[in-house]
Amino acid sequence: MAPQATASDIAAVVARVESAGGKAFVSRGTSRTVIGLVGDIEQFGTLDLGVLRGVAEVVRISAPYKLISRESHPDRSVVLVGGTPIGPGAPTLIAGPCAVETPEQTLRAALMARAAGATVLRGGAFKPRTSPYAFQGLGEAGLRILADVRAETGLPVVTEVVDAHDVELVASYADMLQIGTRNAQNFALLQAVGDVGKPVMLKRGMSGTIEEWLMAAEYVAQRGNLDIVLCERGIRTFETATRNTLDISAVPIVQRRSHLPVIVDPSHSGGRRDLVLPLTRAALAVGADGIIVDVHPDPATALCDGPQALVHEDMEELGAAMRGETAVRRRVLDGVASLL
């Protein structure tokens, strides 16, 4: 649909499609509304949808993920999280504690993150763990801590939701909802976060293919939400030297197939503090739209993933690497612009 299309314009398209026995799924992004059609393609061709008011173009999509495909949206998207853009251009740094433990710990981690240049705060209030005896998070008490820290630091919050019944609760506190690797194909949860209208960070399933990852994003988009950021966090392979294997090639592949931003999680992929910076550099080199890392003021006492959490000195080095990459990208863009 054209940017100036009205609600009645959209309703008219939906009505014409449904009158022909098809289904129409309306998805609204930051700058564009897309209507995905499912049904008899040949019959749709006789409806003359392109002449309806508000329609910018009609495109036949061959990819199984219709709404998030580059075929439906040739320009790459920018997702706004509390005013912070994630997308092409300068890479975004998202940082904070893997798990919210105490108000003091969360605030200290947030201040470390902000000082290094982070513009979004991560923090887990609900923690799905492999062991039922491991720390599962503080729940709503953790969400309240994140909201308090946001008020003090000004950083918008992304936090994980693990159950469809908790989506409304988490959305009432968070600026962005995260779907973790264990829920990457929890279709009821994907649909629930699509309905709530908040930006979504979708991590790749630890054993998921790229197509399965993109189809999971399509579940969110089909419910009307195109504000999705994809996160490559490493996949499970035969290798045991790292916690997971970072599939760095997934970044450019997905960026060619989908218009959604793609970021990388070097903390959960490597699982070791000393690997976070090298993996960050690799991610930035292939064009990742951002990085999400774990930060903790005292990793030795962390209740979750202490070995991969960065401390103050690590964050300073990471921030410098991010600023250097941003400067390089700007020089490249300026050089391209001067040739045009």
Protein backbone atom coordinates (compact mmCIF):
# COMPACT_ATOMS: atom_id res chain seq x y z
CA MET A 1 0.00 0.00 0.00
CA ALA A 2 1.10 3.58 -0.55
CA PRO A 3 2.26 5.49 2.56
CA GLN A 4 -0.83 7.72 2.36
CA ALA A 5 -3.29 4.80 2.12
CA THR A 6 -6.17 5.11 4.57
CA ALA A 7 -7.86 2.48 6.70
CA SER A 8 -10.79 2.46 4.28
CA ASP A 9 -8.40 1.91 1.34
CA ILE A 10 -6.95 -1.11 3.10
CA ALA A 11 -10.39 -2.43 4.01
CA ALA A 12 -11.49 -2.15 0.37
CA VAL A 13 -8.58 -4.32 -0.80
CA VAL A 14 -9.28 -6.91 1.89
CA ALA A 15 -12.98 -6.98 0.97
CA ARG A 16 -12.27 -7.51 -2.74
CA VAL A 17 -9.85 -10.37 -2.01
CA GLU A 18 -12.25 -12.05 0.38
CA SER A 19 -15.11 -11.69 -2.13
CA ALA A 20 -13.03 -13.86 -4.47
CA GLY A 21 -12.59 -16.54 -1.80
CA GLY A 22 -9.05 -15.56 -0.82
CA LYS A 23 -7.52 -14.56 2.51
CA ALA A 24 -5.85 -11.21 3.19
CA PHE A 25 -3.32 -10.63 5.99
CA VAL A 26 -2.61 -7.00 6.83
CA SER A 27 0.83 -6.25 8.29
CA ARG A 28 1.83 -2.75 9.37
CA GLY A 29 5.47 -1.76 9.65
CA THR A 30 7.09 1.52 10.67
CA SER A 31 6.74 3.05 7.21
CA ARG A 32 4.66 0.68 5.13
CA THR A 33 1.54 -1.50 5.17
CA VAL A 34 1.65 -4.78 3.24
CA ILE A 35 -1.37 -6.98 2.49
CA GLY A 36 -0.42 -10.62 1.95
CA LEU A 37 -2.85 -12.60 -0.22
CA VAL A 38 -3.36 -16.36 -0.01
CA GLY A 39 -5.57 -18.18 -2.49
CA ASP A 40 -5.97 -18.67 -6.23
CA ILE A 41 -3.19 -16.60 -7.79
CA GLU A 42 -4.79 -16.65 -11.26
CA GLN A 43 -8.12 -15.45 -9.86
CA PHE A 44 -6.38 -12.62 -7.99
CA GLY A 45 -5.02 -11.47 -11.34
CA THR A 46 -8.56 -10.75 -12.55
CA LEU A 47 -9.41 -8.51 -9.60
CA ASP A 48 -7.45 -5.47 -10.87
CA LEU A 49 -6.18 -4.75 -7.36
CA GLY A 50 -3.63 -2.31 -8.75
CA VAL A 51 -6.33 0.19 -9.70
CA LEU A 52 -7.78 0.39 -6.19
CA ARG A 53 -7.15 3.60 -4.27
CA GLY A 54 -4.10 3.42 -2.00
CA VAL A 55 -2.44 0.46 -3.75
CA ALA A 56 1.19 1.22 -4.64
CA GLU A 57 2.03 -2.07 -6.36
CA VAL A 58 0.97 -5.70 -6.67
CA VAL A 59 3.79 -8.25 -6.53
CA ARG A 60 3.65 -12.01 -6.95
CA ILE A 61 5.84 -13.62 -4.28
CA SER A 62 7.57 -16.95 -4.88
CA ALA A 63 9.25 -17.26 -1.48
CA PRO A 64 7.26 -19.23 1.13
CA TYR A 65 7.68 -16.32 3.57
CA LYS A 66 5.56 -13.73 1.77
CA LEU A 67 5.49 -10.71 4.08
CA ILE A 68 9.13 -10.59 5.16
CA SER A 69 10.59 -11.36 1.74
CA ARG A 70 12.73 -8.89 -0.19
CA GLU A 71 10.39 -9.58 -3.11
CA SER A 72 7.55 -7.90 -1.22
CA HIS A 73 9.72 -5.14 0.25
CA PRO A 74 12.90 -4.51 -1.84
CA ASP A 75 14.27 -1.89 0.57
CA ARG A 76 15.67 -3.15 3.87
CA SER A 77 13.61 -2.20 6.91
CA VAL A 78 14.44 -0.13 9.98
CA VAL A 79 12.78 -1.12 13.27
CA LEU A 80 12.37 1.52 15.98
CA VAL A 81 12.72 0.39 19.60
CA GLY A 82 11.78 3.21 21.93
CA GLY A 83 13.09 5.64 19.34
CA THR A 84 16.32 3.69 18.69
CA PRO A 85 16.68 2.53 15.06
CA ILE A 86 17.88 -0.98 14.23
CA GLY A 87 18.62 -1.55 10.57
CA PRO A 88 20.95 -0.50 7.72
CA GLY A 89 23.50 2.16 8.56
CA ALA A 90 25.25 2.41 11.92
CA PRO A 91 25.20 -0.91 13.85
CA THR A 92 23.19 -0.86 17.09
CA LEU A 93 24.68 -2.06 20.37
CA ILE A 94 22.26 -3.86 22.69
CA ALA A 95 23.72 -4.82 26.07
CA GLY A 96 22.80 -5.70 29.62
CA PRO A 97 22.62 -8.59 32.06
CA CYS A 98 21.57 -12.00 30.75
CA ALA A 99 19.38 -12.30 33.85
CA VAL A 100 17.96 -9.60 36.11
CA GLU A 101 19.10 -10.52 39.63
CA THR A 102 18.86 -7.37 41.77
CA PRO A 103 18.13 -3.67 41.16
CA GLU A 104 21.76 -2.79 41.93
CA GLN A 105 23.22 -5.41 39.60
CA THR A 106 20.89 -4.42 36.75
CA LEU A 107 21.56 -0.68 37.12
CA ARG A 108 25.33 -1.16 37.25
CA ALA A 109 25.23 -3.35 34.14
CA ALA A 110 23.03 -0.80 32.35
CA LEU A 111 25.39 2.06 33.17
CA MET A 112 28.34 0.02 31.87
CA ALA A 113 26.41 -0.69 28.69
CA ARG A 114 25.38 2.93 28.15
CA ALA A 115 28.93 4.19 28.74
CA ALA A 116 30.15 1.88 25.97
CA GLY A 117 27.57 3.23 23.53
CA ALA A 118 24.67 0.82 23.98
CA THR A 119 21.32 2.34 23.04
CA VAL A 120 19.06 -0.57 24.05
CA LEU A 121 19.12 -2.47 27.36
CA ARG A 122 18.72 -6.24 27.40
CA GLY A 123 17.78 -8.17 30.53
CA GLY A 124 16.02 -11.43 31.28
CA ALA A 125 13.13 -11.49 33.76
CA PHE A 126 11.90 -14.89 32.56
CA LYS A 127 14.70 -17.39 31.90
CA PRO A 128 13.94 -20.69 30.13
CA ARG A 129 16.72 -23.05 31.26
CA THR A 130 17.73 -26.55 30.27
CA SER A 131 17.77 -27.65 33.92
CA PRO A 132 14.58 -27.24 36.00
CA TYR A 133 16.85 -26.52 38.99
CA ALA A 134 18.63 -23.56 37.37
CA PHE A 135 17.68 -19.93 38.06
CA GLN A 136 14.44 -19.25 36.17
CA GLY A 137 14.34 -15.47 36.58
CA LEU A 138 12.45 -13.08 38.85
CA GLY A 139 9.32 -12.83 36.69
CA GLU A 140 7.28 -9.66 37.11
CA ALA A 141 9.62 -8.42 39.85
CA GLY A 142 12.39 -8.49 37.24
CA LEU A 143 10.21 -6.57 34.78
CA ARG A 144 9.66 -3.85 37.38
CA ILE A 145 13.43 -3.61 37.92
CA LEU A 146 13.97 -3.20 34.17
CA ALA A 147 11.32 -0.47 34.03
CA ASP A 148 13.00 1.38 36.91
CA VAL A 149 16.41 1.12 35.26
CA ARG A 150 14.96 2.37 31.97
CA ALA A 151 13.58 5.41 33.80
CA GLU A 152 17.01 6.11 35.30
CA THR A 153 19.16 5.49 32.21
CA GLY A 154 16.82 6.34 29.34
CA LEU A 155 17.58 3.02 27.61
CA PRO A 156 14.61 1.20 26.04
CA VAL A 157 14.25 -2.41 27.19
CA VAL A 158 14.18 -5.73 25.34
CA THR A 159 13.32 -8.79 27.40
CA GLU A 160 12.28 -12.37 26.71
CA VAL A 161 8.77 -13.74 26.90
CA VAL A 162 8.45 -17.52 27.20
CA ASP A 163 4.72 -18.14 27.45
CA ALA A 164 1.81 -16.86 25.36
CA HIS A 165 -0.12 -16.17 28.57
CA ASP A 166 2.59 -13.70 29.67
CA VAL A 167 2.76 -11.66 26.46
CA GLU A 168 0.44 -8.87 27.62
CA LEU A 169 2.25 -8.65 30.96
CA VAL A 170 5.72 -8.44 29.42
CA ALA A 171 4.53 -6.00 26.75
CA SER A 172 3.23 -3.67 29.46
CA TYR A 173 6.82 -3.23 30.73
CA ALA A 174 9.08 -3.82 27.70
CA ASP A 175 9.79 -1.79 24.57
CA MET A 176 10.66 -4.93 22.60
CA LEU A 177 9.76 -8.60 23.11
CA GLN A 178 12.40 -11.28 22.61
CA ILE A 179 11.67 -14.82 21.43
CA GLY A 180 14.54 -17.07 22.52
CA THR A 181 16.07 -20.01 20.72
CA ARG A 182 14.01 -22.57 22.64
CA ASN A 183 10.78 -20.93 21.47
CA ALA A 184 11.77 -20.18 17.87
CA GLN A 185 9.08 -22.59 16.65
CA ASN A 186 6.55 -22.09 19.42
CA PHE A 187 3.92 -20.98 16.93
CA ALA A 188 1.28 -20.01 19.48
CA LEU A 189 3.81 -17.69 21.16
CA LEU A 190 4.93 -16.24 17.81
CA GLN A 191 1.34 -15.41 16.94
CA ALA A 192 0.72 -13.91 20.37
CA VAL A 193 3.67 -11.50 20.12
CA GLY A 194 2.55 -10.63 16.59
CA ASP A 195 -0.82 -9.57 17.97
CA VAL A 196 0.47 -7.33 20.75
CA GLY A 197 1.96 -4.62 18.51
CA LYS A 198 5.44 -4.28 20.06
CA PRO A 199 8.72 -4.78 18.15
CA VAL A 200 9.96 -8.37 18.29
CA MET A 201 13.48 -9.81 18.42
CA LEU A 202 13.42 -13.37 17.05
CA LYS A 203 16.43 -15.52 17.82
CA ARG A 204 17.28 -18.40 15.53
CA GLY A 205 16.46 -21.86 16.87
CA MET A 206 19.60 -23.67 17.97
CA SER A 207 18.88 -26.45 15.43
CA GLY A 208 16.86 -24.38 12.99
CA THR A 209 17.60 -23.86 9.33
CA ILE A 210 17.54 -20.38 7.82
CA GLU A 211 14.23 -21.10 6.11
CA GLU A 212 12.68 -22.31 9.38
CA TRP A 213 13.90 -19.12 11.06
CA LEU A 214 12.35 -16.95 8.35
CA MET A 215 9.11 -18.91 8.42
CA ALA A 216 8.96 -18.31 12.19
CA ALA A 217 9.25 -14.58 11.49
CA GLU A 218 6.42 -14.93 8.98
CA TYR A 219 4.17 -16.18 11.81
CA VAL A 220 4.75 -12.86 13.59
CA ALA A 221 4.33 -10.79 10.41
CA GLN A 222 1.11 -12.56 9.44
CA ARG A 223 -0.51 -11.28 12.63
CA GLY A 224 0.05 -7.72 11.48
CA ASN A 225 3.49 -6.92 12.93
CA LEU A 226 6.41 -6.25 10.57
CA ASP A 227 8.63 -4.70 13.27
CA ILE A 228 10.84 -7.79 13.60
CA VAL A 229 14.58 -8.01 14.20
CA LEU A 230 16.26 -11.34 13.49
CA CYS A 231 19.09 -12.49 15.78
CA GLU A 232 21.71 -15.07 14.80
CA ARG A 233 22.86 -16.59 18.12
CA GLY A 234 24.75 -19.66 16.99
CA ILE A 235 23.55 -23.14 16.10
CA ARG A 236 24.16 -26.57 17.59
CA THR A 237 26.83 -28.56 15.76
CA PHE A 238 29.26 -31.37 16.61
CA GLU A 239 31.83 -28.80 17.85
CA THR A 240 32.37 -28.66 21.63
CA ALA A 241 35.06 -25.96 21.86
CA THR A 242 32.36 -23.28 21.92
CA ARG A 243 28.89 -23.19 23.43
CA ASN A 244 27.36 -22.94 19.95
CA THR A 245 28.73 -22.42 16.45
CA LEU A 246 28.19 -18.88 15.14
CA ASP A 247 26.85 -19.15 11.58
CA ILE A 248 28.33 -15.91 10.33
CA SER A 249 27.22 -16.65 6.76
CA ALA A 250 23.59 -16.46 7.90
CA VAL A 251 23.80 -12.66 8.16
CA PRO A 252 24.34 -11.83 4.45
CA ILE A 253 22.15 -14.74 3.33
CA VAL A 254 19.17 -13.56 5.38
CA GLN A 255 19.71 -9.93 4.40
CA ARG A 256 19.39 -10.98 0.76
CA ARG A 257 16.25 -13.01 1.37
CA SER A 258 14.41 -10.78 3.84
CA HIS A 259 14.03 -7.05 4.38
CA LEU A 260 14.22 -7.47 8.18
CA PRO A 261 17.26 -6.26 10.19
CA VAL A 262 19.71 -8.97 11.29
CA ILE A 263 21.81 -8.74 14.45
CA VAL A 264 24.26 -11.17 16.08
CA ASP A 265 24.63 -12.50 19.63
CA PRO A 266 28.36 -13.22 20.15
CA SER A 267 27.81 -13.96 23.86
CA HIS A 268 25.55 -16.98 23.49
CA SER A 269 27.25 -18.27 20.37
CA GLY A 270 30.80 -18.43 21.76
CA GLY A 271 29.84 -18.82 25.40
CA ARG A 272 33.19 -17.35 26.49
CA ARG A 273 34.14 -13.80 27.38
CA ASP A 274 37.35 -13.91 25.32
CA LEU A 275 35.42 -14.79 22.15
CA VAL A 276 32.86 -11.98 22.29
CA LEU A 277 35.04 -9.25 20.77
CA PRO A 278 36.45 -11.38 17.90
CA LEU A 279 32.97 -12.65 17.03
CA THR A 280 31.64 -9.08 17.20
CA ARG A 281 34.28 -7.95 14.71
CA ALA A 282 33.36 -10.83 12.40
CA ALA A 283 29.65 -9.95 12.63
CA LEU A 284 30.28 -6.28 11.87
CA ALA A 285 32.58 -7.20 8.97
CA VAL A 286 29.78 -9.12 7.20
CA GLY A 287 27.32 -6.27 7.70
CA ALA A 288 25.30 -7.20 10.80
CA ASP A 289 22.84 -4.47 11.78
CA GLY A 290 23.71 -4.75 15.45
CA ILE A 291 25.14 -6.76 18.32
CA ILE A 292 23.55 -8.03 21.54
CA VAL A 293 25.91 -8.90 24.41
CA ASP A 294 25.78 -9.91 28.07
CA VAL A 295 27.17 -7.53 30.70
CA HIS A 296 27.61 -8.14 34.43
CA PRO A 297 29.35 -6.05 37.12
CA ASP A 298 30.65 -9.24 38.81
CA PRO A 299 30.46 -12.28 36.49
CA ALA A 300 31.87 -14.59 39.17
CA THR A 301 28.64 -14.21 41.16
CA ALA A 302 26.25 -14.24 38.18
CA LEU A 303 23.24 -16.54 38.51
CA CYS A 304 23.20 -17.14 34.75
CA ASP A 305 25.91 -17.31 32.04
CA GLY A 306 28.70 -15.66 34.01
CA PRO A 307 31.54 -17.06 31.82
CA GLN A 308 30.34 -15.08 28.78
CA ALA A 309 29.43 -11.81 30.51
CA LEU A 310 31.57 -8.76 29.78
CA VAL A 311 33.00 -6.47 32.45
CA HIS A 312 33.77 -2.74 32.27
CA GLU A 313 37.11 -3.06 30.45
CA ASP A 314 35.63 -5.47 27.90
CA MET A 315 32.76 -3.09 27.21
CA GLU A 316 35.15 -0.20 26.62
CA GLU A 317 37.00 -2.26 23.99
CA LEU A 318 33.76 -3.45 22.42
CA GLY A 319 32.41 0.11 22.28
CA ALA A 320 35.56 1.28 20.53
CA ALA A 321 35.22 -1.51 17.96
CA MET A 322 31.60 -0.54 17.33
CA ARG A 323 32.48 3.14 16.90
CA GLY A 324 35.30 2.25 14.51
CA GLU A 325 32.98 0.12 12.38
CA THR A 326 30.39 2.90 12.30
CA ALA A 327 33.03 5.37 11.07
CA VAL A 328 34.13 2.95 8.33
CA ARG A 329 30.56 2.39 7.15
CA ARG A 330 29.92 6.14 7.02
CA ARG A 331 33.07 6.70 4.94
CA VAL A 332 31.98 3.97 2.53
CA LEU A 333 28.48 5.45 2.21
CA ASP A 334 29.90 8.94 1.69
CA GLY A 335 32.23 7.57 -1.00
CA VAL A 336 29.37 5.87 -2.78
CA ALA A 337 27.23 9.00 -2.56
CA SER A 338 30.02 11.09 -4.11
CA LEU A 339 30.12 8.75 -7.12
CA LEU A 340 26.39 8.98 -7.80
